[in-house]
Amino acid sequence: QVQLVESGGGLVQPGGSLTLSCAASGILFSLYAMGWYRQAPGKQRELVATVTSGGSTNYADSVKGRFTISRDIAKNTVYLQMNSLKPEDTAVYYCNAKWAHYNYWGQGTQVTVSS
């Protein structure tokens, strides 16, 4: 059974930082491209950042220079370090694992940026 379990969300003030974690089980983690997506109320889910099995990263323009995605193969975990958070970063953040025709999602973790 495949599981992607996100953690680390919460309430943070503008300018603050949070680190999200996604622990994967039931997949051969090293094969998969991993990603973070987010969905704000009333909006479509959008890509935040991805990291390939080879370690190449890609970021949405809106988070470049503020967010960093990384993966620890030994721990089957992908991280999203978020700095200089803005109110517009408020959303439910979802972890994604993708390889060939396999595509899995976590349950999401809420990030709220507010004073």
C-alpha atoms as a PDB file:
ATOM      1  CA  GLN A   1       0.000   0.000   0.000  1.00  0.00           C
ATOM      2  CA  VAL A   2       1.407   3.361  -1.068  1.00  0.00           C
ATOM      3  CA  GLN A   3       1.388   6.149   1.501  1.00  0.00           C
ATOM      4  CA  LEU A   4       2.616   9.719   1.299  1.00  0.00           C
ATOM      5  CA  VAL A   5       2.334  11.391   4.683  1.00  0.00           C
ATOM      6  CA  GLU A   6       2.886  15.140   4.882  1.00  0.00           C
ATOM      7  CA  SER A   7       3.741  17.016   8.049  1.00  0.00           C
ATOM      8  CA  GLY A   8       5.057  20.384   9.141  1.00  0.00           C
ATOM      9  CA  GLY A   9       2.233  22.683   8.155  1.00  0.00           C
ATOM     10  CA  GLY A  10       0.820  25.326  10.429  1.00  0.00           C
ATOM     11  CA  LEU A  11       0.302  29.009  11.062  1.00  0.00           C
ATOM     12  CA  VAL A  12       3.220  31.368  10.482  1.00  0.00           C
ATOM     13  CA  GLN A  13       3.599  35.132  10.282  1.00  0.00           C
ATOM     14  CA  PRO A  14       4.565  36.852   7.032  1.00  0.00           C
ATOM     15  CA  GLY A  15       8.310  36.663   6.552  1.00  0.00           C
ATOM     16  CA  GLY A  16       8.529  33.473   8.572  1.00  0.00           C
ATOM     17  CA  SER A  17       9.692  29.997   7.660  1.00  0.00           C
ATOM     18  CA  LEU A  18       8.312  26.470   7.660  1.00  0.00           C
ATOM     19  CA  THR A  19       9.653  23.120   6.548  1.00  0.00           C
ATOM     20  CA  LEU A  20       7.264  20.530   5.163  1.00  0.00           C
ATOM     21  CA  SER A  21       8.111  16.837   5.134  1.00  0.00           C
ATOM     22  CA  CYS A  22       6.621  13.989   3.128  1.00  0.00           C
ATOM     23  CA  ALA A  23       7.429  10.447   4.179  1.00  0.00           C
ATOM     24  CA  ALA A  24       6.832   7.859   1.463  1.00  0.00           C
ATOM     25  CA  SER A  25       6.197   4.155   1.896  1.00  0.00           C
ATOM     26  CA  GLY A  26       5.154   1.359  -0.438  1.00  0.00           C
ATOM     27  CA  ILE A  27       7.170   2.682  -3.383  1.00  0.00           C
ATOM     28  CA  LEU A  28      10.744   2.375  -4.581  1.00  0.00           C
ATOM     29  CA  PHE A  29      11.445   5.949  -3.586  1.00  0.00           C
ATOM     30  CA  SER A  30      14.658   6.357  -5.581  1.00  0.00           C
ATOM     31  CA  LEU A  31      12.809   5.809  -8.878  1.00  0.00           C
ATOM     32  CA  TYR A  32      10.180   8.453  -8.340  1.00  0.00           C
ATOM     33  CA  ALA A  33      10.118  12.128  -9.162  1.00  0.00           C
ATOM     34  CA  MET A  34       8.767  13.889  -6.091  1.00  0.00           C
ATOM     35  CA  GLY A  35       6.904  17.136  -5.977  1.00  0.00           C
ATOM     36  CA  TRP A  36       5.000  19.630  -3.893  1.00  0.00           C
ATOM     37  CA  TYR A  37       1.792  21.191  -5.131  1.00  0.00           C
ATOM     38  CA  ARG A  38      -0.603  23.571  -3.433  1.00  0.00           C
ATOM     39  CA  GLN A  39      -4.233  24.545  -3.652  1.00  0.00           C
ATOM     40  CA  ALA A  40      -5.651  27.752  -2.253  1.00  0.00           C
ATOM     41  CA  PRO A  41      -9.394  28.184  -1.625  1.00  0.00           C
ATOM     42  CA  GLY A  42     -11.238  28.712  -4.888  1.00  0.00           C
ATOM     43  CA  LYS A  43      -8.155  28.054  -7.000  1.00  0.00           C
ATOM     44  CA  GLN A  44      -6.770  25.153  -8.966  1.00  0.00           C
ATOM     45  CA  ARG A  45      -3.978  22.998  -7.638  1.00  0.00           C
ATOM     46  CA  GLU A  46      -0.631  24.327  -8.843  1.00  0.00           C
ATOM     47  CA  LEU A  47       2.921  23.073  -8.964  1.00  0.00           C
ATOM     48  CA  VAL A  48       5.266  24.470  -6.321  1.00  0.00           C
ATOM     49  CA  ALA A  49       8.460  22.465  -6.802  1.00  0.00           C
ATOM     50  CA  THR A  50       9.681  19.124  -8.096  1.00  0.00           C
ATOM     51  CA  VAL A  51      12.827  17.044  -7.771  1.00  0.00           C
ATOM     52  CA  THR A  52      13.654  14.230 -10.170  1.00  0.00           C
ATOM     53  CA  SER A  53      15.157  10.870  -9.291  1.00  0.00           C
ATOM     54  CA  GLY A  54      18.461  12.321 -10.455  1.00  0.00           C
ATOM     55  CA  GLY A  55      18.156  15.333  -8.184  1.00  0.00           C
ATOM     56  CA  SER A  56      17.225  18.015 -10.715  1.00  0.00           C
ATOM     57  CA  THR A  57      14.856  20.613  -9.319  1.00  0.00           C
ATOM     58  CA  ASN A  58      12.183  22.849 -10.762  1.00  0.00           C
ATOM     59  CA  TYR A  59      10.259  25.680  -9.106  1.00  0.00           C
ATOM     60  CA  ALA A  60       7.252  27.814  -9.793  1.00  0.00           C
ATOM     61  CA  ASP A  61       8.280  31.397 -10.523  1.00  0.00           C
ATOM     62  CA  SER A  62       6.314  32.577  -7.505  1.00  0.00           C
ATOM     63  CA  VAL A  63       8.526  30.639  -5.069  1.00  0.00           C
ATOM     64  CA  LYS A  64      11.948  30.789  -6.738  1.00  0.00           C
ATOM     65  CA  GLY A  65      14.577  32.042  -4.342  1.00  0.00           C
ATOM     66  CA  ARG A  66      12.334  31.457  -1.314  1.00  0.00           C
ATOM     67  CA  PHE A  67      11.548  27.716  -1.349  1.00  0.00           C
ATOM     68  CA  THR A  68      13.921  24.759  -1.570  1.00  0.00           C
ATOM     69  CA  ILE A  69      12.952  21.180  -2.336  1.00  0.00           C
ATOM     70  CA  SER A  70      15.205  18.314  -1.315  1.00  0.00           C
ATOM     71  CA  ARG A  71      15.030  14.566  -0.884  1.00  0.00           C
ATOM     72  CA  ASP A  72      16.655  12.077   1.478  1.00  0.00           C
ATOM     73  CA  ILE A  73      16.669   8.679  -0.195  1.00  0.00           C
ATOM     74  CA  ALA A  74      17.814   6.915   2.966  1.00  0.00           C
ATOM     75  CA  LYS A  75      14.729   8.229   4.783  1.00  0.00           C
ATOM     76  CA  ASN A  76      12.303   7.985   1.833  1.00  0.00           C
ATOM     77  CA  THR A  77      11.427  11.605   2.547  1.00  0.00           C
ATOM     78  CA  VAL A  78      11.084  14.779   0.522  1.00  0.00           C
ATOM     79  CA  TYR A  79      11.234  18.219   2.109  1.00  0.00           C
ATOM     80  CA  LEU A  80      10.102  21.707   1.224  1.00  0.00           C
ATOM     81  CA  GLN A  81      11.941  24.481   3.032  1.00  0.00           C
ATOM     82  CA  MET A  82       9.857  27.639   2.794  1.00  0.00           C
ATOM     83  CA  ASN A  83      11.370  31.001   3.696  1.00  0.00           C
ATOM     84  CA  SER A  84      10.108  34.577   3.453  1.00  0.00           C
ATOM     85  CA  LEU A  85       6.556  33.342   3.474  1.00  0.00           C
ATOM     86  CA  LYS A  86       3.812  35.589   2.143  1.00  0.00           C
ATOM     87  CA  PRO A  87       0.051  35.582   2.746  1.00  0.00           C
ATOM     88  CA  GLU A  88      -0.414  34.405  -0.840  1.00  0.00           C
ATOM     89  CA  ASP A  89       1.468  31.213   0.050  1.00  0.00           C
ATOM     90  CA  THR A  90      -1.523  30.190   2.168  1.00  0.00           C
ATOM     91  CA  ALA A  91      -2.845  26.891   0.802  1.00  0.00           C
ATOM     92  CA  VAL A  92      -3.098  23.179   1.367  1.00  0.00           C
ATOM     93  CA  TYR A  93       0.219  21.677   0.302  1.00  0.00           C
ATOM     94  CA  TYR A  94       0.237  18.228  -1.285  1.00  0.00           C
ATOM     95  CA  CYS A  95       3.078  15.787  -1.792  1.00  0.00           C
ATOM     96  CA  ASN A  96       3.246  13.942  -5.123  1.00  0.00           C
ATOM     97  CA  ALA A  97       5.185  10.899  -6.313  1.00  0.00           C
ATOM     98  CA  LYS A  98       5.369  10.141 -10.024  1.00  0.00           C
ATOM     99  CA  TRP A  99       7.040   7.404 -12.089  1.00  0.00           C
ATOM    100  CA  ALA A 100       5.952   5.983 -15.426  1.00  0.00           C
ATOM    101  CA  HIS A 101       2.155   5.721 -15.225  1.00  0.00           C
ATOM    102  CA  TYR A 102       2.179   5.698 -11.421  1.00  0.00           C
ATOM    103  CA  ASN A 103       1.030   8.915  -9.760  1.00  0.00           C
ATOM    104  CA  TYR A 104       0.345   9.197  -6.027  1.00  0.00           C
ATOM    105  CA  TRP A 105      -0.807  12.015  -3.739  1.00  0.00           C
ATOM    106  CA  GLY A 106      -0.658  12.675  -0.046  1.00  0.00           C
ATOM    107  CA  GLN A 107      -3.576  13.923   1.994  1.00  0.00           C
ATOM    108  CA  GLY A 108      -2.268  17.483   2.240  1.00  0.00           C
ATOM    109  CA  THR A 109      -1.118  19.778   5.017  1.00  0.00           C
ATOM    110  CA  GLN A 110      -2.431  23.289   5.660  1.00  0.00           C
ATOM    111  CA  VAL A 111      -0.070  26.250   5.565  1.00  0.00           C
ATOM    112  CA  THR A 112      -1.485  29.570   6.701  1.00  0.00           C
ATOM    113  CA  VAL A 113       0.543  32.770   6.487  1.00  0.00           C
ATOM    114  CA  SER A 114      -1.093  35.507   8.515  1.00  0.00           C
ATOM    115  CA  SER A 115      -0.334  38.101  11.141  1.00  0.00           C
END
